[in-house]
C-alpha atoms as a PDB file:
ATOM      1  CA  MET A   1      10.055  24.124  34.592  1.00  0.00           C
ATOM      2  CA  ASN A   2      10.218  26.210  31.271  1.00  0.00           C
ATOM      3  CA  SER A   3      13.510  28.373  31.938  1.00  0.00           C
ATOM      4  CA  GLN A   4      12.198  30.812  29.212  1.00  0.00           C
ATOM      5  CA  HIS A   5       8.830  30.794  30.293  1.00  0.00           C
ATOM      6  CA  PHE A   6       9.362  31.129  33.795  1.00  0.00           C
ATOM      7  CA  ASN A   7      12.167  34.299  33.056  1.00  0.00           C
ATOM      8  CA  THR A   8       9.604  36.403  31.182  1.00  0.00           C
ATOM      9  CA  HIS A   9       7.237  36.442  33.817  1.00  0.00           C
ATOM     10  CA  ARG A  10       9.842  36.993  36.185  1.00  0.00           C
ATOM     11  CA  ALA A  11      11.314  40.016  34.443  1.00  0.00           C
ATOM     12  CA  GLN A  12       7.403  41.125  34.255  1.00  0.00           C
ATOM     13  CA  LEU A  13       7.080  40.862  37.297  1.00  0.00           C
ATOM     14  CA  GLU A  14       9.653  42.935  38.834  1.00  0.00           C
ATOM     15  CA  GLN A  15       8.739  45.507  36.541  1.00  0.00           C
ATOM     16  CA  LEU A  16       5.769  45.915  37.958  1.00  0.00           C
ATOM     17  CA  VAL A  17       7.655  45.947  41.203  1.00  0.00           C
ATOM     18  CA  HIS A  18       9.323  48.629  40.152  1.00  0.00           C
ATOM     19  CA  THR A  19       6.446  50.461  38.555  1.00  0.00           C
ATOM     20  CA  HIS A  20       3.756  50.001  42.058  1.00  0.00           C
ATOM     21  CA  ALA A  21       5.846  49.731  45.207  1.00  0.00           C
ATOM     22  CA  PRO A  22       4.508  52.375  47.663  1.00  0.00           C
ATOM     23  CA  SER A  23       8.026  53.195  48.198  1.00  0.00           C
ATOM     24  CA  ASP A  24      11.789  52.051  47.366  1.00  0.00           C
ATOM     25  CA  HIS A  25      11.954  49.402  50.837  1.00  0.00           C
ATOM     26  CA  VAL A  26       8.571  47.918  50.122  1.00  0.00           C
ATOM     27  CA  ALA A  27       9.763  47.395  46.245  1.00  0.00           C
ATOM     28  CA  SER A  28      13.470  46.045  47.587  1.00  0.00           C
ATOM     29  CA  ALA A  29      11.824  43.379  50.514  1.00  0.00           C
ATOM     30  CA  MET A  30       9.447  42.258  46.753  1.00  0.00           C
ATOM     31  CA  LEU A  31      12.421  42.029  44.977  1.00  0.00           C
ATOM     32  CA  GLN A  32      14.858  40.607  47.214  1.00  0.00           C
ATOM     33  CA  HIS A  33      11.558  37.739  47.329  1.00  0.00           C
ATOM     34  CA  ILE A  34      11.843  37.225  43.995  1.00  0.00           C
ATOM     35  CA  LYS A  35      15.342  36.849  43.839  1.00  0.00           C
ATOM     36  CA  HIS A  36      14.710  33.920  46.223  1.00  0.00           C
ATOM     37  CA  MET A  37      11.955  31.895  44.861  1.00  0.00           C
ATOM     38  CA  ALA A  38      13.679  32.105  41.290  1.00  0.00           C
ATOM     39  CA  ALA A  39      17.452  31.110  42.871  1.00  0.00           C
ATOM     40  CA  ALA A  40      14.471  28.343  44.487  1.00  0.00           C
ATOM     41  CA  MET A  41      13.333  27.344  41.374  1.00  0.00           C
ATOM     42  CA  GLN A  42      16.313  27.279  39.551  1.00  0.00           C
ATOM     43  CA  ALA A  43      17.914  24.823  42.322  1.00  0.00           C
ATOM     44  CA  GLU A  44      15.181  22.331  42.134  1.00  0.00           C
ATOM     45  CA  GLU A  45      15.026  22.429  38.642  1.00  0.00           C
ATOM     46  CA  ALA A  46      19.037  21.289  38.785  1.00  0.00           C
ATOM     47  CA  GLU A  47      18.510  18.567  41.245  1.00  0.00           C
ATOM     48  CA  ALA A  48      15.671  17.213  39.437  1.00  0.00           C
ATOM     49  CA  THR A  49      17.530  16.576  36.215  1.00  0.00           C
ATOM     50  CA  THR A  50      20.783  15.739  38.363  1.00  0.00           C
ATOM     51  CA  ARG A  51      18.317  12.912  39.459  1.00  0.00           C
ATOM     52  CA  LEU A  52      16.395  11.760  36.267  1.00  0.00           C
ATOM     53  CA  HIS A  53      20.155  11.824  34.742  1.00  0.00           C
ATOM     54  CA  HIS A  54      21.474   9.455  37.619  1.00  0.00           C
ATOM     55  CA  SER A  55      18.771   7.327  37.214  1.00  0.00           C
ATOM     56  CA  HIS A  56      19.127   7.134  33.179  1.00  0.00           C
ATOM     57  CA  ALA A  57      22.781   6.169  33.982  1.00  0.00           C
ATOM     58  CA  ALA A  58      22.331   3.624  36.751  1.00  0.00           C
ATOM     59  CA  HIS A  59      19.048   2.177  34.704  1.00  0.00           C
ATOM     60  CA  ARG A  60      21.615   1.993  31.436  1.00  0.00           C
ATOM     61  CA  THR A  61      24.151  -0.169  33.603  1.00  0.00           C
ATOM     62  CA  PRO A  62      24.746  -3.693  31.610  1.00  0.00           C
ATOM     63  CA  ALA A  63      24.629  -5.275  35.560  1.00  0.00           C
ATOM     64  CA  ALA A  64      20.961  -3.197  35.351  1.00  0.00           C
ATOM     65  CA  ARG A  65      19.714  -4.829  32.449  1.00  0.00           C
ATOM     66  CA  ILE A  66      20.834  -8.350  32.851  1.00  0.00           C
ATOM     67  CA  ARG A  67      19.025  -7.532  36.381  1.00  0.00           C
ATOM     68  CA  GLN A  68      16.175  -5.998  34.532  1.00  0.00           C
ATOM     69  CA  PHE A  69      15.933  -8.674  32.697  1.00  0.00           C
ATOM     70  CA  ILE A  70      16.200 -11.736  35.573  1.00  0.00           C
ATOM     71  CA  LEU A  71      13.543  -9.612  37.389  1.00  0.00           C
ATOM     72  CA  GLY A  72      11.155  -9.914  33.999  1.00  0.00           C
ATOM     73  CA  GLU A  73      11.773 -13.563  33.814  1.00  0.00           C
ATOM     74  CA  VAL A  74      11.312 -14.153  37.655  1.00  0.00           C
ATOM     75  CA  ARG A  75       7.663 -12.119  37.594  1.00  0.00           C
ATOM     76  CA  ALA A  76       7.133 -14.425  34.559  1.00  0.00           C
ATOM     77  CA  ALA A  77       7.530 -17.222  35.944  1.00  0.00           C
END
């Protein structure tokens, strides 16, 4: 996810809520939904980044490289 792009659109949406919500109660509820949506997306991005880093590190260890070499030889045979 492009965080800068997401935050720009989130800010625009929040501004629209402030401008066009029929009441303060509705505006508050809508802003809470936007806040929770943003938090969920940021948590998903952080989790995906963590998994990517762990996967990359696991495939770069010497044991993983040897295993890849051996499996590559076995598949070729």
